[in-house]
Amino acid sequence: MEMRAKGTLSRQAATAIAVLVLAAKHATADDRPTAPPLRAERRVVVSIPDCKLALIENKRVVHIYAVAVGADVSPSPVGTFRIVNRLTNPTYYHRGKVIPAGASNPLGTRWMGLDVKGFGIHGTDQPASIGHRRSHGCIRMLNRDVEELFERLRPGDVVELHGERTSELDALFVG
């Protein structure tokens, strides 16, 4: 009887030790520091004449979107800029007009401000304007497209706005 008790105790101890070893192994795996995710080299290239935007990550075109650009009376700025802020469901402020987030907000569901005051990439409440020169200078996108782009871009990412066709733009948007 005494041997049996010792054997039972040994099996219980062995089981307890095995459980502890597995738990320790699991905890070690979860607590192990992970390498920070690699930051993609990301840039956005907008062809104003083509009303198109290309998202480029690590020198590879990820997606091309149709956009609306500035109308002739309120053209989009040309140059290289950076994203400085990102807003979900932004409020629209313009010349004493305030429109809260919602279906009639001209900024749509997302805003990514550029380092040139008053300009950015945003959604729209006028999807028929996409593909045309209809904005007040900003880059307008369909809400579903700007939401997708918003998830990939961060402050500091480069945005190039090109006013004239170049061989690079032809390769991106025509070829």
Protein backbone atom coordinates (compact mmCIF):
# COMPACT_ATOMS: atom_id res chain seq x y z
CA MET A 1 0.00 0.00 0.00
CA GLU A 2 2.81 2.34 0.86
CA MET A 3 4.51 1.77 -2.55
CA ARG A 4 1.30 2.49 -4.37
CA ALA A 5 0.88 5.80 -2.56
CA LYS A 6 4.44 6.76 -3.45
CA GLY A 7 3.84 5.78 -7.09
CA THR A 8 0.62 7.79 -7.21
CA LEU A 9 2.34 10.72 -5.65
CA SER A 10 5.14 10.47 -8.18
CA ARG A 11 2.70 10.44 -11.10
CA GLN A 12 0.90 13.45 -9.62
CA ALA A 13 4.20 15.23 -9.11
CA ALA A 14 5.30 14.37 -12.64
CA THR A 15 2.00 15.66 -14.04
CA ALA A 16 2.31 18.86 -12.00
CA ILE A 17 5.88 19.38 -13.16
CA ALA A 18 4.89 18.80 -16.80
CA VAL A 19 2.08 21.35 -16.49
CA LEU A 20 4.45 23.88 -14.91
CA VAL A 21 7.06 23.33 -17.63
CA LEU A 22 4.46 23.82 -20.38
CA ALA A 23 3.08 26.91 -18.67
CA ALA A 24 6.57 28.37 -18.27
CA LYS A 25 7.37 27.64 -21.91
CA HIS A 26 4.11 29.29 -23.02
CA ALA A 27 4.70 32.35 -20.82
CA THR A 28 8.25 32.69 -22.10
CA ALA A 29 7.06 32.57 -25.72
CA ASP A 30 4.40 35.24 -25.10
CA ASP A 31 6.68 37.48 -23.07
CA ARG A 32 9.58 37.29 -25.46
CA PRO A 33 10.29 40.71 -26.97
CA THR A 34 9.46 40.85 -30.64
CA ALA A 35 11.33 42.85 -33.22
CA PRO A 36 9.52 46.05 -34.13
CA PRO A 37 7.74 45.80 -37.46
CA LEU A 38 9.80 47.09 -40.34
CA ARG A 39 8.67 50.53 -41.48
CA ALA A 40 7.80 50.44 -45.14
CA GLU A 41 9.24 53.15 -47.33
CA ARG A 42 5.98 54.68 -48.42
CA ARG A 43 5.03 57.49 -50.75
CA VAL A 44 1.96 58.70 -52.55
CA VAL A 45 2.22 60.04 -56.09
CA VAL A 46 -0.68 62.06 -57.48
CA SER A 47 -1.01 62.93 -61.14
CA ILE A 48 -3.21 66.01 -61.28
CA PRO A 49 -3.69 65.75 -65.09
CA ASP A 50 -4.72 62.08 -64.80
CA CYS A 51 -6.78 62.47 -61.60
CA LYS A 52 -5.04 59.41 -60.19
CA LEU A 53 -3.16 58.55 -57.01
CA ALA A 54 -0.60 55.75 -56.66
CA LEU A 55 0.38 54.26 -53.31
CA ILE A 56 3.97 53.03 -53.53
CA GLU A 57 5.54 50.91 -50.79
CA ASN A 58 9.17 49.84 -50.93
CA LYS A 59 9.36 51.02 -54.56
CA ARG A 60 6.40 48.83 -55.58
CA VAL A 61 3.00 50.13 -56.68
CA VAL A 62 0.47 48.76 -54.20
CA HIS A 63 -2.66 50.40 -55.57
CA ILE A 64 -3.82 53.08 -57.98
CA TYR A 65 -6.93 55.07 -57.11
CA ALA A 66 -9.09 57.48 -59.12
CA VAL A 67 -9.31 60.85 -57.35
CA ALA A 68 -10.75 64.33 -57.76
CA VAL A 69 -8.25 67.18 -57.82
CA GLY A 70 -8.48 70.95 -57.57
CA ALA A 71 -10.75 72.78 -59.98
CA ASP A 72 -9.23 75.39 -62.28
CA VAL A 73 -10.40 78.17 -59.91
CA SER A 74 -8.94 76.38 -56.86
CA PRO A 75 -6.05 74.21 -58.07
CA SER A 76 -4.25 71.57 -56.05
CA PRO A 77 -0.79 72.66 -54.89
CA VAL A 78 2.13 71.13 -56.75
CA GLY A 79 5.19 69.82 -54.94
CA THR A 80 6.40 67.32 -52.38
CA PHE A 81 4.64 67.35 -49.03
CA ARG A 82 4.30 65.18 -45.95
CA ILE A 83 1.28 63.92 -44.07
CA VAL A 84 1.09 65.76 -40.75
CA ASN A 85 -2.18 64.50 -39.25
CA ARG A 86 -4.90 61.90 -39.69
CA LEU A 87 -8.52 62.16 -38.59
CA THR A 88 -11.37 59.68 -38.57
CA ASN A 89 -14.83 61.17 -39.20
CA PRO A 90 -13.56 64.76 -39.38
CA THR A 91 -15.60 67.90 -38.89
CA TYR A 92 -15.58 70.29 -41.88
CA TYR A 93 -14.76 73.95 -41.22
CA HIS A 94 -14.81 76.47 -44.07
CA ARG A 95 -15.57 80.21 -44.05
CA GLY A 96 -17.89 80.17 -41.07
CA LYS A 97 -19.48 76.87 -42.05
CA VAL A 98 -19.22 73.87 -39.72
CA ILE A 99 -20.44 70.44 -40.82
CA PRO A 100 -20.08 67.60 -38.32
CA ALA A 101 -19.14 64.06 -39.33
CA GLY A 102 -21.89 62.36 -41.30
CA ALA A 103 -23.27 61.67 -44.75
CA SER A 104 -23.27 65.35 -45.81
CA ASN A 105 -19.70 66.08 -44.68
CA PRO A 106 -17.58 67.15 -47.70
CA LEU A 107 -14.51 65.49 -46.15
CA GLY A 108 -16.13 62.08 -46.07
CA THR A 109 -14.96 59.62 -43.46
CA ARG A 110 -11.21 60.34 -43.34
CA TRP A 111 -8.78 63.27 -43.51
CA MET A 112 -5.00 63.16 -43.95
CA GLY A 113 -3.63 66.67 -43.69
CA LEU A 114 -0.56 67.80 -45.60
CA ASP A 115 2.15 70.15 -44.43
CA VAL A 116 0.67 72.87 -46.62
CA LYS A 117 -2.08 74.57 -44.63
CA GLY A 118 -5.64 73.70 -45.59
CA PHE A 119 -4.82 70.89 -48.01
CA GLY A 120 -5.10 67.16 -47.60
CA ILE A 121 -6.34 63.84 -48.89
CA HIS A 122 -9.90 63.04 -47.84
CA GLY A 123 -13.13 61.24 -48.63
CA THR A 124 -16.16 62.90 -50.14
CA ASP A 125 -19.92 63.23 -50.02
CA GLN A 126 -19.83 63.71 -53.83
CA PRO A 127 -18.63 60.42 -55.34
CA ALA A 128 -19.50 61.64 -58.88
CA SER A 129 -16.67 64.20 -58.58
CA ILE A 130 -14.02 61.46 -58.60
CA GLY A 131 -11.99 61.49 -61.80
CA HIS A 132 -12.54 65.23 -62.35
CA ARG A 133 -11.11 68.63 -61.40
CA ARG A 134 -13.77 69.50 -58.85
CA SER A 135 -12.22 70.01 -55.41
CA HIS A 136 -11.07 73.19 -53.67
CA GLY A 137 -7.49 71.95 -54.08
CA CYS A 138 -7.53 68.84 -51.93
CA ILE A 139 -7.28 65.29 -53.21
CA ARG A 140 -10.72 63.68 -52.92
CA MET A 141 -11.28 59.95 -52.86
CA LEU A 142 -14.22 57.61 -52.57
CA ASN A 143 -14.77 56.94 -48.88
CA ARG A 144 -13.99 53.22 -49.19
CA ASP A 145 -10.72 54.07 -50.99
CA VAL A 146 -9.61 56.75 -48.52
CA GLU A 147 -10.37 54.39 -45.63
CA GLU A 148 -8.09 51.78 -47.21
CA LEU A 149 -5.34 54.34 -47.84
CA PHE A 150 -5.75 55.79 -44.33
CA GLU A 151 -4.87 52.41 -42.80
CA ARG A 152 -1.53 52.38 -44.61
CA LEU A 153 -0.34 56.00 -44.31
CA ARG A 154 1.21 57.65 -41.28
CA PRO A 155 2.42 61.14 -40.43
CA GLY A 156 5.72 61.74 -42.16
CA ASP A 157 4.83 59.77 -45.29
CA VAL A 158 5.62 61.63 -48.52
CA VAL A 159 2.92 62.89 -50.88
CA GLU A 160 3.99 64.15 -54.30
CA LEU A 161 1.51 66.23 -56.28
CA HIS A 162 2.49 66.54 -59.95
CA GLY A 163 0.89 69.18 -62.17
CA GLU A 164 2.41 67.95 -65.43
CA ARG A 165 2.88 64.55 -67.02
CA THR A 166 6.35 63.06 -66.71
CA SER A 167 7.87 59.78 -67.85
CA GLU A 168 7.50 58.47 -64.27
CA LEU A 169 3.80 59.36 -64.26
CA ASP A 170 3.33 57.75 -67.66
CA ALA A 171 4.99 54.58 -66.35
CA LEU A 172 2.78 54.62 -63.23
CA PHE A 173 -0.58 55.53 -64.68
CA VAL A 174 -0.52 54.79 -68.40
CA GLY A 175 1.75 51.75 -68.76
